[in-house]
Amino acid sequence: MQFVSLEEAKQASGLRLTFVANAPSPWGEAIKGMLKTKNIPFTATLYMPGNPEANKGLVEWTGEDSAPSAMYEDEAPRSGWAEILLLLERLQPEPRLIPADPEQRALMFGLSYEICGEMGLGWSARLMMCDAAIDPNVDYPIPAEMGHYLGAKYGYRPGVGPEATKRVTDVLTLLSARLKAEQAKGNRFLMGEHVTPWTSIGPRFAP
């Protein structure tokens, strides 16, 4: 993937996206998987974590001191995972990532929130990481400064580690049980034979 400068991205037409530089971002990788699955053309630029000066123009454009964000033509910027998913589905309806059936759609968004939403799998895993990084009694490969930086973004508070750990365990247990049930039916995915926003991510990032 090639990245352009902020000014080039702002001047481009169509879909523009921001991605975190030099750090893994499950949300960003999920969007990349969706874009690849749907074969949607886009222009990408980088958000530099921990560098407010470098991100000043990007924050003014997207309204978010974070990434990913999606800008399409003159529409308002989108930064929520559901809003970006809905945009991609509108830009390229096939292959469908959101079920047409209302009941299946409600189930998909419910499971998606458990993975992507506040205090979901990704969010809680970040809190676990922050808790370990900040704890002086834990030998952790991520420095405390990074723990404080991410903690400010994810609402870290002392003592949240056990709660976050339980949420991660609960969500993984839920997804594991559902996957086993689908496999017993001969299905490959968490929702039968249909690809979903999570299975488009790929094996490296799939739950």
N, C-alpha and C. Protein backbone atom coordinates (compact mmCIF):
# COMPACT_ATOMS: atom_id res chain seq x y z
N MET A 1 0.84 -1.19 0.00
CA MET A 1 0.00 0.00 0.00
C MET A 1 0.88 1.25 0.00
N GLN A 2 0.54 2.21 -0.84
CA GLN A 2 1.28 3.46 -0.91
C GLN A 2 0.51 4.56 -0.19
N PHE A 3 1.26 5.43 0.49
CA PHE A 3 0.65 6.54 1.22
C PHE A 3 1.11 7.86 0.62
N VAL A 4 0.20 8.83 0.64
CA VAL A 4 0.51 10.15 0.11
C VAL A 4 0.50 11.16 1.25
N SER A 5 0.95 12.36 0.96
CA SER A 5 0.95 13.41 1.96
C SER A 5 -0.49 13.83 2.29
N LEU A 6 -0.64 14.53 3.39
CA LEU A 6 -1.96 15.00 3.79
C LEU A 6 -2.57 15.89 2.72
N GLU A 7 -1.78 16.82 2.16
CA GLU A 7 -2.31 17.74 1.16
C GLU A 7 -2.75 16.99 -0.10
N GLU A 8 -1.98 15.97 -0.49
CA GLU A 8 -2.37 15.17 -1.65
C GLU A 8 -3.68 14.44 -1.40
N ALA A 9 -3.83 13.92 -0.18
CA ALA A 9 -5.05 13.20 0.16
C ALA A 9 -6.26 14.14 0.15
N LYS A 10 -6.07 15.34 0.68
CA LYS A 10 -7.18 16.31 0.73
C LYS A 10 -7.60 16.74 -0.67
N GLN A 11 -6.65 16.81 -1.59
CA GLN A 11 -6.95 17.25 -2.94
C GLN A 11 -7.48 16.12 -3.83
N ALA A 12 -7.33 14.89 -3.37
CA ALA A 12 -7.79 13.75 -4.17
C ALA A 12 -9.32 13.66 -4.14
N SER A 13 -9.88 12.98 -5.11
CA SER A 13 -11.32 12.75 -5.15
C SER A 13 -11.62 11.35 -4.65
N GLY A 14 -12.90 11.05 -4.49
CA GLY A 14 -13.29 9.73 -4.07
C GLY A 14 -13.04 9.46 -2.61
N LEU A 15 -12.67 8.23 -2.30
CA LEU A 15 -12.48 7.79 -0.93
C LEU A 15 -11.06 8.06 -0.47
N ARG A 16 -10.94 8.73 0.67
CA ARG A 16 -9.64 8.98 1.32
C ARG A 16 -9.66 8.37 2.70
N LEU A 17 -8.57 7.75 3.11
CA LEU A 17 -8.51 7.07 4.41
C LEU A 17 -7.22 7.42 5.14
N THR A 18 -7.30 7.42 6.48
CA THR A 18 -6.11 7.60 7.30
C THR A 18 -5.83 6.30 8.05
N PHE A 19 -4.56 5.97 8.16
CA PHE A 19 -4.14 4.77 8.89
C PHE A 19 -3.01 5.13 9.85
N VAL A 20 -2.93 4.41 10.95
CA VAL A 20 -1.88 4.63 11.95
C VAL A 20 -0.53 4.20 11.37
N ALA A 21 0.48 5.03 11.56
CA ALA A 21 1.83 4.72 11.08
C ALA A 21 2.63 4.00 12.15
N ASN A 22 3.45 3.06 11.72
CA ASN A 22 4.47 2.43 12.57
C ASN A 22 3.91 1.70 13.78
N ALA A 23 2.66 1.27 13.73
CA ALA A 23 2.07 0.54 14.85
C ALA A 23 0.90 -0.29 14.33
N PRO A 24 0.69 -1.49 14.90
CA PRO A 24 -0.45 -2.30 14.46
C PRO A 24 -1.76 -1.70 14.94
N SER A 25 -2.74 -1.68 14.09
CA SER A 25 -4.07 -1.18 14.44
C SER A 25 -5.11 -2.17 13.93
N PRO A 26 -5.74 -2.94 14.82
CA PRO A 26 -6.75 -3.92 14.37
C PRO A 26 -7.87 -3.29 13.55
N TRP A 27 -8.28 -2.08 13.94
CA TRP A 27 -9.35 -1.41 13.21
C TRP A 27 -8.90 -1.03 11.80
N GLY A 28 -7.69 -0.54 11.69
CA GLY A 28 -7.15 -0.20 10.37
C GLY A 28 -6.98 -1.43 9.50
N GLU A 29 -6.48 -2.51 10.08
CA GLU A 29 -6.29 -3.74 9.30
C GLU A 29 -7.64 -4.30 8.84
N ALA A 30 -8.66 -4.14 9.68
CA ALA A 30 -10.00 -4.61 9.29
C ALA A 30 -10.48 -3.85 8.06
N ILE A 31 -10.28 -2.54 8.06
CA ILE A 31 -10.71 -1.73 6.92
C ILE A 31 -9.94 -2.12 5.67
N LYS A 32 -8.64 -2.37 5.81
CA LYS A 32 -7.85 -2.81 4.66
C LYS A 32 -8.41 -4.11 4.08
N GLY A 33 -8.81 -5.03 4.97
CA GLY A 33 -9.39 -6.28 4.51
C GLY A 33 -10.69 -6.07 3.77
N MET A 34 -11.52 -5.16 4.27
CA MET A 34 -12.80 -4.87 3.61
C MET A 34 -12.56 -4.24 2.24
N LEU A 35 -11.61 -3.32 2.17
CA LEU A 35 -11.30 -2.66 0.90
C LEU A 35 -10.80 -3.68 -0.12
N LYS A 36 -9.97 -4.61 0.32
CA LYS A 36 -9.45 -5.63 -0.58
C LYS A 36 -10.57 -6.56 -1.05
N THR A 37 -11.43 -6.95 -0.11
CA THR A 37 -12.54 -7.84 -0.45
C THR A 37 -13.46 -7.20 -1.48
N LYS A 38 -13.72 -5.91 -1.31
CA LYS A 38 -14.64 -5.21 -2.20
C LYS A 38 -13.94 -4.56 -3.40
N ASN A 39 -12.60 -4.56 -3.38
CA ASN A 39 -11.82 -3.97 -4.48
C ASN A 39 -12.21 -2.50 -4.71
N ILE A 40 -12.22 -1.73 -3.63
CA ILE A 40 -12.58 -0.31 -3.69
C ILE A 40 -11.31 0.52 -3.81
N PRO A 41 -11.20 1.39 -4.81
CA PRO A 41 -10.03 2.27 -4.91
C PRO A 41 -10.08 3.36 -3.85
N PHE A 42 -8.91 3.76 -3.35
CA PHE A 42 -8.86 4.78 -2.31
C PHE A 42 -7.49 5.43 -2.28
N THR A 43 -7.42 6.56 -1.60
CA THR A 43 -6.16 7.25 -1.35
C THR A 43 -5.91 7.21 0.15
N ALA A 44 -4.68 6.90 0.55
CA ALA A 44 -4.37 6.73 1.97
C ALA A 44 -3.29 7.70 2.42
N THR A 45 -3.44 8.20 3.63
CA THR A 45 -2.41 9.01 4.27
C THR A 45 -2.23 8.53 5.70
N LEU A 46 -1.17 8.99 6.36
CA LEU A 46 -0.80 8.43 7.66
C LEU A 46 -1.06 9.37 8.83
N TYR A 47 -1.48 8.76 9.93
CA TYR A 47 -1.58 9.41 11.22
C TYR A 47 -0.36 8.99 12.03
N MET A 48 0.34 9.97 12.61
CA MET A 48 1.58 9.68 13.34
C MET A 48 1.28 9.66 14.84
N PRO A 49 1.20 8.51 15.47
CA PRO A 49 0.86 8.45 16.89
C PRO A 49 1.91 9.13 17.76
N GLY A 50 1.42 9.88 18.74
CA GLY A 50 2.33 10.56 19.67
C GLY A 50 3.02 11.77 19.11
N ASN A 51 2.54 12.30 17.98
CA ASN A 51 3.19 13.47 17.35
C ASN A 51 2.12 14.52 17.03
N PRO A 52 1.67 15.27 18.04
CA PRO A 52 0.58 16.24 17.83
C PRO A 52 0.87 17.27 16.74
N GLU A 53 2.10 17.71 16.63
CA GLU A 53 2.43 18.72 15.64
C GLU A 53 2.27 18.17 14.22
N ALA A 54 2.74 16.95 14.02
CA ALA A 54 2.63 16.33 12.69
C ALA A 54 1.18 16.05 12.32
N ASN A 55 0.34 15.84 13.33
CA ASN A 55 -1.05 15.48 13.07
C ASN A 55 -2.01 16.66 13.08
N LYS A 56 -1.50 17.86 13.28
CA LYS A 56 -2.37 19.02 13.44
C LYS A 56 -3.32 19.18 12.25
N GLY A 57 -2.79 19.16 11.05
CA GLY A 57 -3.63 19.33 9.86
C GLY A 57 -4.60 18.18 9.67
N LEU A 58 -4.15 16.98 9.96
CA LEU A 58 -5.02 15.82 9.81
C LEU A 58 -6.18 15.87 10.79
N VAL A 59 -5.91 16.29 12.03
CA VAL A 59 -6.97 16.40 13.04
C VAL A 59 -7.99 17.45 12.62
N GLU A 60 -7.51 18.54 12.06
CA GLU A 60 -8.43 19.58 11.58
C GLU A 60 -9.32 19.05 10.46
N TRP A 61 -8.78 18.18 9.63
CA TRP A 61 -9.52 17.64 8.50
C TRP A 61 -10.52 16.57 8.92
N THR A 62 -10.06 15.63 9.76
CA THR A 62 -10.90 14.48 10.12
C THR A 62 -11.75 14.72 11.36
N GLY A 63 -11.31 15.67 12.21
CA GLY A 63 -12.01 15.88 13.48
C GLY A 63 -11.63 14.86 14.53
N GLU A 64 -10.62 14.03 14.27
CA GLU A 64 -10.22 12.98 15.19
C GLU A 64 -8.71 12.96 15.37
N ASP A 65 -8.27 12.88 16.62
CA ASP A 65 -6.85 12.72 16.91
C ASP A 65 -6.56 11.23 17.01
N SER A 66 -6.82 10.53 15.92
CA SER A 66 -6.66 9.09 15.88
C SER A 66 -6.85 8.63 14.44
N ALA A 67 -6.78 7.34 14.23
CA ALA A 67 -7.04 6.74 12.92
C ALA A 67 -7.50 5.30 13.17
N PRO A 68 -8.27 4.73 12.26
CA PRO A 68 -8.58 5.21 10.92
C PRO A 68 -9.75 6.19 10.87
N SER A 69 -9.78 6.97 9.82
CA SER A 69 -10.91 7.82 9.47
C SER A 69 -11.13 7.70 7.97
N ALA A 70 -12.37 7.95 7.54
CA ALA A 70 -12.71 7.86 6.12
C ALA A 70 -13.39 9.14 5.68
N MET A 71 -12.93 9.68 4.55
CA MET A 71 -13.53 10.86 3.95
C MET A 71 -13.93 10.51 2.53
N TYR A 72 -15.18 10.78 2.19
CA TYR A 72 -15.64 10.50 0.84
C TYR A 72 -16.22 11.76 0.23
N GLU A 73 -15.59 12.22 -0.85
CA GLU A 73 -16.01 13.45 -1.54
C GLU A 73 -16.21 14.57 -0.52
N ASP A 74 -17.38 15.24 -0.55
CA ASP A 74 -17.62 16.35 0.37
C ASP A 74 -18.46 15.95 1.58
N GLU A 75 -18.62 14.64 1.80
CA GLU A 75 -19.40 14.18 2.95
C GLU A 75 -18.61 14.35 4.23
N ALA A 76 -19.31 14.35 5.36
CA ALA A 76 -18.66 14.50 6.66
C ALA A 76 -17.71 13.33 6.92
N PRO A 77 -16.57 13.57 7.59
CA PRO A 77 -15.65 12.49 7.91
C PRO A 77 -16.32 11.42 8.77
N ARG A 78 -15.86 10.21 8.62
CA ARG A 78 -16.36 9.08 9.42
C ARG A 78 -15.17 8.45 10.15
N SER A 79 -15.35 8.15 11.44
CA SER A 79 -14.28 7.50 12.19
C SER A 79 -14.75 6.26 12.93
N GLY A 80 -16.05 6.06 13.09
CA GLY A 80 -16.56 4.87 13.75
C GLY A 80 -16.53 3.66 12.82
N TRP A 81 -16.26 2.48 13.39
CA TRP A 81 -16.15 1.28 12.56
C TRP A 81 -17.45 0.99 11.81
N ALA A 82 -18.60 1.19 12.46
CA ALA A 82 -19.87 0.90 11.80
C ALA A 82 -20.14 1.88 10.66
N GLU A 83 -19.84 3.16 10.89
CA GLU A 83 -20.06 4.18 9.87
C GLU A 83 -19.18 3.94 8.65
N ILE A 84 -17.93 3.54 8.89
CA ILE A 84 -17.04 3.26 7.76
C ILE A 84 -17.50 2.02 7.01
N LEU A 85 -17.92 1.00 7.74
CA LEU A 85 -18.44 -0.20 7.10
C LEU A 85 -19.64 0.11 6.21
N LEU A 86 -20.58 0.91 6.72
CA LEU A 86 -21.76 1.27 5.94
C LEU A 86 -21.39 2.06 4.68
N LEU A 87 -20.38 2.92 4.80
CA LEU A 87 -19.93 3.67 3.64
C LEU A 87 -19.36 2.73 2.58
N LEU A 88 -18.50 1.81 2.98
CA LEU A 88 -17.90 0.88 2.02
C LEU A 88 -18.97 0.00 1.37
N GLU A 89 -19.97 -0.38 2.15
CA GLU A 89 -21.05 -1.20 1.60
C GLU A 89 -21.83 -0.40 0.55
N ARG A 90 -21.99 0.90 0.79
CA ARG A 90 -22.70 1.73 -0.19
C ARG A 90 -21.87 1.92 -1.45
N LEU A 91 -20.56 2.12 -1.28
CA LEU A 91 -19.71 2.37 -2.44
C LEU A 91 -19.57 1.13 -3.31
N GLN A 92 -19.57 -0.04 -2.71
CA GLN A 92 -19.45 -1.28 -3.48
C GLN A 92 -20.33 -2.35 -2.79
N PRO A 93 -21.58 -2.49 -3.23
CA PRO A 93 -22.50 -3.41 -2.56
C PRO A 93 -22.09 -4.89 -2.61
N GLU A 94 -21.31 -5.28 -3.59
CA GLU A 94 -20.90 -6.68 -3.71
C GLU A 94 -19.38 -6.81 -3.69
N PRO A 95 -18.85 -7.83 -3.02
CA PRO A 95 -19.58 -8.81 -2.22
C PRO A 95 -20.12 -8.18 -0.93
N ARG A 96 -21.30 -8.60 -0.55
CA ARG A 96 -21.98 -8.02 0.59
C ARG A 96 -21.31 -8.45 1.90
N LEU A 97 -21.07 -7.48 2.78
CA LEU A 97 -20.54 -7.77 4.11
C LEU A 97 -21.61 -7.64 5.19
N ILE A 98 -22.70 -6.95 4.88
CA ILE A 98 -23.81 -6.78 5.80
C ILE A 98 -24.98 -7.61 5.29
N PRO A 99 -25.48 -8.56 6.08
CA PRO A 99 -26.58 -9.40 5.60
C PRO A 99 -27.82 -8.60 5.23
N ALA A 100 -28.53 -9.05 4.21
CA ALA A 100 -29.77 -8.40 3.81
C ALA A 100 -30.91 -8.72 4.77
N ASP A 101 -30.88 -9.92 5.34
CA ASP A 101 -31.92 -10.32 6.28
C ASP A 101 -31.81 -9.51 7.57
N PRO A 102 -32.92 -8.87 8.01
CA PRO A 102 -32.85 -8.00 9.20
C PRO A 102 -32.36 -8.72 10.46
N GLU A 103 -32.80 -9.95 10.68
CA GLU A 103 -32.39 -10.67 11.87
C GLU A 103 -30.90 -10.98 11.83
N GLN A 104 -30.42 -11.44 10.67
CA GLN A 104 -29.00 -11.72 10.51
C GLN A 104 -28.18 -10.43 10.61
N ARG A 105 -28.73 -9.34 10.08
CA ARG A 105 -28.04 -8.06 10.15
C ARG A 105 -27.89 -7.60 11.60
N ALA A 106 -28.95 -7.76 12.38
CA ALA A 106 -28.89 -7.39 13.80
C ALA A 106 -27.87 -8.24 14.54
N LEU A 107 -27.83 -9.53 14.22
CA LEU A 107 -26.85 -10.43 14.84
C LEU A 107 -25.43 -10.02 14.45
N MET A 108 -25.22 -9.69 13.18
CA MET A 108 -23.89 -9.29 12.73
C MET A 108 -23.40 -8.05 13.43
N PHE A 109 -24.27 -7.04 13.54
CA PHE A 109 -23.85 -5.82 14.21
C PHE A 109 -23.63 -6.04 15.70
N GLY A 110 -24.43 -6.93 16.31
CA GLY A 110 -24.21 -7.25 17.72
C GLY A 110 -22.87 -7.92 17.95
N LEU A 111 -22.56 -8.92 17.13
CA LEU A 111 -21.26 -9.58 17.25
C LEU A 111 -20.12 -8.62 16.91
N SER A 112 -20.35 -7.76 15.92
CA SER A 112 -19.32 -6.79 15.54
C SER A 112 -19.01 -5.85 16.69
N TYR A 113 -20.04 -5.43 17.41
CA TYR A 113 -19.79 -4.54 18.55
C TYR A 113 -18.96 -5.25 19.62
N GLU A 114 -19.23 -6.54 19.82
CA GLU A 114 -18.44 -7.28 20.81
C GLU A 114 -16.97 -7.36 20.40
N ILE A 115 -16.70 -7.27 19.12
CA ILE A 115 -15.32 -7.31 18.63
C ILE A 115 -14.72 -5.91 18.53
N CYS A 116 -15.48 -4.97 17.97
CA CYS A 116 -14.92 -3.66 17.60
C CYS A 116 -15.31 -2.52 18.52
N GLY A 117 -16.41 -2.64 19.26
CA GLY A 117 -16.96 -1.52 19.99
C GLY A 117 -16.25 -1.21 21.30
N GLU A 118 -16.71 -0.17 21.97
CA GLU A 118 -16.14 0.22 23.26
C GLU A 118 -16.29 -0.92 24.25
N MET A 119 -15.19 -1.25 24.93
CA MET A 119 -15.09 -2.39 25.85
C MET A 119 -15.31 -3.73 25.14
N GLY A 120 -15.20 -3.74 23.82
CA GLY A 120 -15.22 -4.99 23.08
C GLY A 120 -13.85 -5.65 23.11
N LEU A 121 -13.66 -6.63 22.23
CA LEU A 121 -12.43 -7.41 22.22
C LEU A 121 -11.19 -6.55 22.01
N GLY A 122 -11.19 -5.75 20.93
CA GLY A 122 -10.02 -4.92 20.63
C GLY A 122 -9.78 -3.87 21.70
N TRP A 123 -10.84 -3.20 22.13
CA TRP A 123 -10.74 -2.15 23.14
C TRP A 123 -10.21 -2.71 24.46
N SER A 124 -10.78 -3.82 24.90
CA SER A 124 -10.37 -4.41 26.17
C SER A 124 -8.95 -4.94 26.12
N ALA A 125 -8.55 -5.48 24.96
CA ALA A 125 -7.17 -5.95 24.82
C ALA A 125 -6.19 -4.78 24.94
N ARG A 126 -6.58 -3.61 24.41
CA ARG A 126 -5.73 -2.43 24.56
C ARG A 126 -5.62 -2.03 26.04
N LEU A 127 -6.73 -2.11 26.77
CA LEU A 127 -6.68 -1.78 28.19
C LEU A 127 -5.80 -2.76 28.96
N MET A 128 -5.85 -4.03 28.61
CA MET A 128 -4.96 -5.01 29.23
C MET A 128 -3.51 -4.65 28.96
N MET A 129 -3.20 -4.26 27.74
CA MET A 129 -1.85 -3.88 27.38
C MET A 129 -1.40 -2.65 28.17
N CYS A 130 -2.29 -1.66 28.28
CA CYS A 130 -1.96 -0.45 29.04
C CYS A 130 -1.70 -0.80 30.50
N ASP A 131 -2.53 -1.66 31.06
CA ASP A 131 -2.40 -2.03 32.47
C ASP A 131 -1.05 -2.68 32.74
N ALA A 132 -0.63 -3.57 31.84
CA ALA A 132 0.66 -4.25 32.00
C ALA A 132 1.82 -3.29 31.79
N ALA A 133 1.69 -2.38 30.82
CA ALA A 133 2.78 -1.45 30.53
C ALA A 133 2.98 -0.45 31.67
N ILE A 134 1.90 -0.02 32.29
CA ILE A 134 1.98 0.99 33.34
C ILE A 134 2.42 0.39 34.67
N ASP A 135 2.13 -0.88 34.92
CA ASP A 135 2.45 -1.53 36.19
C ASP A 135 3.96 -1.67 36.34
N PRO A 136 4.57 -1.03 37.35
CA PRO A 136 6.04 -1.12 37.51
C PRO A 136 6.50 -2.51 37.91
N ASN A 137 5.59 -3.34 38.37
CA ASN A 137 5.96 -4.68 38.81
C ASN A 137 5.89 -5.72 37.69
N VAL A 138 5.51 -5.27 36.50
CA VAL A 138 5.37 -6.19 35.37
C VAL A 138 6.45 -5.90 34.34
N ASP A 139 7.16 -6.93 33.94
CA ASP A 139 8.17 -6.79 32.89
C ASP A 139 7.45 -6.93 31.55
N TYR A 140 7.21 -5.79 30.90
CA TYR A 140 6.40 -5.79 29.68
C TYR A 140 7.18 -5.11 28.56
N PRO A 141 7.10 -5.64 27.33
CA PRO A 141 7.93 -5.09 26.25
C PRO A 141 7.52 -3.69 25.79
N ILE A 142 6.32 -3.23 26.16
CA ILE A 142 5.87 -1.90 25.77
C ILE A 142 6.16 -0.92 26.90
N PRO A 143 6.79 0.23 26.63
CA PRO A 143 7.15 1.17 27.69
C PRO A 143 5.92 1.80 28.34
N ALA A 144 6.11 2.26 29.58
CA ALA A 144 5.02 2.88 30.33
C ALA A 144 4.46 4.10 29.61
N GLU A 145 5.34 4.85 28.89
CA GLU A 145 4.88 6.04 28.18
C GLU A 145 3.82 5.68 27.14
N MET A 146 4.04 4.58 26.44
CA MET A 146 3.05 4.13 25.46
C MET A 146 1.77 3.69 26.16
N GLY A 147 1.92 3.07 27.31
CA GLY A 147 0.74 2.66 28.08
C GLY A 147 -0.11 3.85 28.48
N HIS A 148 0.55 4.93 28.93
CA HIS A 148 -0.19 6.14 29.31
C HIS A 148 -0.81 6.81 28.09
N TYR A 149 -0.10 6.81 26.96
CA TYR A 149 -0.61 7.42 25.74
C TYR A 149 -1.87 6.71 25.26
N LEU A 150 -1.81 5.37 25.17
CA LEU A 150 -2.98 4.61 24.74
C LEU A 150 -4.07 4.63 25.80
N GLY A 151 -3.65 4.64 27.07
CA GLY A 151 -4.64 4.66 28.14
C GLY A 151 -5.53 5.89 28.10
N ALA A 152 -4.95 7.02 27.70
CA ALA A 152 -5.74 8.25 27.58
C ALA A 152 -6.79 8.13 26.47
N LYS A 153 -6.49 7.35 25.45
CA LYS A 153 -7.43 7.17 24.35
C LYS A 153 -8.53 6.16 24.68
N TYR A 154 -8.21 5.18 25.51
CA TYR A 154 -9.15 4.09 25.76
C TYR A 154 -9.77 4.14 27.16
N GLY A 155 -9.62 5.26 27.85
CA GLY A 155 -10.28 5.41 29.14
C GLY A 155 -9.69 4.53 30.23
N TYR A 156 -8.38 4.36 30.20
CA TYR A 156 -7.74 3.54 31.23
C TYR A 156 -7.91 4.16 32.61
N ARG A 157 -8.13 3.31 33.59
CA ARG A 157 -8.17 3.72 34.98
C ARG A 157 -7.55 2.61 35.82
N PRO A 158 -6.89 2.94 36.91
CA PRO A 158 -6.28 1.91 37.75
C PRO A 158 -7.30 0.86 38.17
N GLY A 159 -6.93 -0.39 38.05
CA GLY A 159 -7.81 -1.47 38.45
C GLY A 159 -8.68 -2.02 37.34
N VAL A 160 -8.59 -1.45 36.14
CA VAL A 160 -9.45 -1.91 35.04
C VAL A 160 -8.94 -3.20 34.41
N GLY A 161 -7.70 -3.58 34.73
CA GLY A 161 -7.11 -4.77 34.11
C GLY A 161 -7.95 -6.03 34.23
N PRO A 162 -8.38 -6.43 35.45
CA PRO A 162 -9.20 -7.64 35.57
C PRO A 162 -10.52 -7.56 34.81
N GLU A 163 -11.15 -6.39 34.81
CA GLU A 163 -12.41 -6.23 34.06
C GLU A 163 -12.15 -6.41 32.56
N ALA A 164 -11.08 -5.80 32.06
CA ALA A 164 -10.76 -5.92 30.64
C ALA A 164 -10.41 -7.35 30.28
N THR A 165 -9.68 -8.02 31.16
CA THR A 165 -9.31 -9.42 30.92
C THR A 165 -10.54 -10.30 30.83
N LYS A 166 -11.50 -10.07 31.72
CA LYS A 166 -12.73 -10.86 31.69
C LYS A 166 -13.51 -10.61 30.41
N ARG A 167 -13.56 -9.34 29.95
CA ARG A 167 -14.27 -9.04 28.71
C ARG A 167 -13.62 -9.76 27.53
N VAL A 168 -12.29 -9.74 27.46
CA VAL A 168 -11.60 -10.44 26.38
C VAL A 168 -11.92 -11.93 26.41
N THR A 169 -11.86 -12.52 27.60
CA THR A 169 -12.15 -13.94 27.75
C THR A 169 -13.58 -14.26 27.34
N ASP A 170 -14.52 -13.42 27.77
CA ASP A 170 -15.93 -13.65 27.45
C ASP A 170 -16.18 -13.59 25.94
N VAL A 171 -15.59 -12.59 25.28
CA VAL A 171 -15.83 -12.43 23.85
C VAL A 171 -15.18 -13.57 23.07
N LEU A 172 -13.96 -13.95 23.45
CA LEU A 172 -13.30 -15.06 22.76
C LEU A 172 -14.07 -16.36 22.97
N THR A 173 -14.62 -16.55 24.17
CA THR A 173 -15.42 -17.75 24.43
C THR A 173 -16.68 -17.75 23.56
N LEU A 174 -17.32 -16.59 23.46
CA LEU A 174 -18.51 -16.46 22.60
C LEU A 174 -18.18 -16.79 21.15
N LEU A 175 -17.12 -16.19 20.63
CA LEU A 175 -16.77 -16.39 19.23
C LEU A 175 -16.32 -17.83 18.96
N SER A 176 -15.59 -18.41 19.91
CA SER A 176 -15.13 -19.79 19.75
C SER A 176 -16.32 -20.75 19.69
N ALA A 177 -17.29 -20.56 20.58
CA ALA A 177 -18.46 -21.43 20.61
C ALA A 177 -19.27 -21.30 19.33
N ARG A 178 -19.40 -20.07 18.85
CA ARG A 178 -20.18 -19.86 17.62
C ARG A 178 -19.45 -20.47 16.41
N LEU A 179 -18.14 -20.30 16.35
CA LEU A 179 -17.39 -20.86 15.23
C LEU A 179 -17.48 -22.38 15.22
N LYS A 180 -17.37 -23.00 16.39
CA LYS A 180 -17.48 -24.47 16.47
C LYS A 180 -18.86 -24.93 16.03
N ALA A 181 -19.90 -24.19 16.43
CA ALA A 181 -21.26 -24.55 16.04
C ALA A 181 -21.45 -24.45 14.53
N GLU A 182 -20.86 -23.41 13.93
CA GLU A 182 -20.97 -23.26 12.48
C GLU A 182 -20.16 -24.33 11.76
N GLN A 183 -18.98 -24.65 12.28
CA GLN A 183 -18.16 -25.70 11.66
C GLN A 183 -18.87 -27.05 11.72
N ALA A 184 -19.61 -27.29 12.80
CA ALA A 184 -20.36 -28.55 12.92
C ALA A 184 -21.45 -28.66 11.85
N LYS A 185 -21.90 -27.50 11.35
CA LYS A 185 -22.90 -27.47 10.28
C LYS A 185 -22.24 -27.51 8.90
N GLY A 186 -20.92 -27.52 8.88
CA GLY A 186 -20.21 -27.52 7.61
C GLY A 186 -19.94 -26.14 7.05
N ASN A 187 -20.12 -25.10 7.88
CA ASN A 187 -19.90 -23.73 7.44
C ASN A 187 -18.51 -23.25 7.81
N ARG A 188 -18.00 -22.31 7.03
CA ARG A 188 -16.63 -21.84 7.21
C ARG A 188 -16.52 -20.60 8.09
N PHE A 189 -17.60 -19.83 8.20
CA PHE A 189 -17.53 -18.52 8.85
C PHE A 189 -18.37 -18.45 10.11
N LEU A 190 -18.24 -17.34 10.81
CA LEU A 190 -18.98 -17.15 12.05
C LEU A 190 -20.48 -17.02 11.82
N MET A 191 -20.86 -16.65 10.60
CA MET A 191 -22.27 -16.55 10.25
C MET A 191 -22.54 -17.36 8.98
N GLY A 192 -22.36 -18.66 9.11
CA GLY A 192 -22.66 -19.54 7.99
C GLY A 192 -21.64 -19.49 6.89
N GLU A 193 -22.13 -19.44 5.66
CA GLU A 193 -21.27 -19.44 4.49
C GLU A 193 -20.99 -18.06 3.96
N HIS A 194 -21.44 -17.03 4.68
CA HIS A 194 -21.32 -15.67 4.17
C HIS A 194 -20.14 -14.94 4.82
N VAL A 195 -19.35 -14.29 3.98
CA VAL A 195 -18.25 -13.49 4.50
C VAL A 195 -18.81 -12.31 5.28
N THR A 196 -18.10 -11.91 6.32
CA THR A 196 -18.54 -10.82 7.20
C THR A 196 -17.41 -9.80 7.31
N PRO A 197 -17.67 -8.66 7.98
CA PRO A 197 -16.58 -7.68 8.15
C PRO A 197 -15.36 -8.26 8.84
N TRP A 198 -15.55 -9.24 9.74
CA TRP A 198 -14.38 -9.77 10.46
C TRP A 198 -13.66 -10.80 9.63
N THR A 199 -14.37 -11.66 8.89
CA THR A 199 -13.68 -12.69 8.10
C THR A 199 -13.00 -12.10 6.88
N SER A 200 -13.31 -10.85 6.54
CA SER A 200 -12.59 -10.21 5.43
C SER A 200 -11.23 -9.71 5.87
N ILE A 201 -10.98 -9.72 7.18
CA ILE A 201 -9.70 -9.22 7.70
C ILE A 201 -8.56 -10.15 7.29
N GLY A 202 -8.80 -11.44 7.32
CA GLY A 202 -7.75 -12.40 6.99
C GLY A 202 -7.31 -13.13 8.23
N PRO A 203 -6.60 -14.25 8.09
CA PRO A 203 -6.26 -15.10 9.22
C PRO A 203 -5.37 -14.43 10.25
N ARG A 204 -4.57 -13.47 9.85
CA ARG A 204 -3.65 -12.85 10.79
C ARG A 204 -4.39 -12.07 11.87
N PHE A 205 -5.51 -11.46 11.50
CA PHE A 205 -6.23 -10.62 12.44
C PHE A 205 -7.61 -11.16 12.79
N ALA A 206 -8.03 -12.25 12.19
CA ALA A 206 -9.36 -12.80 12.50
C ALA A 206 -9.40 -13.30 13.94
N PRO A 207 -10.57 -13.17 14.61
CA PRO A 207 -10.66 -13.67 15.99
C PRO A 207 -10.58 -15.17 16.06
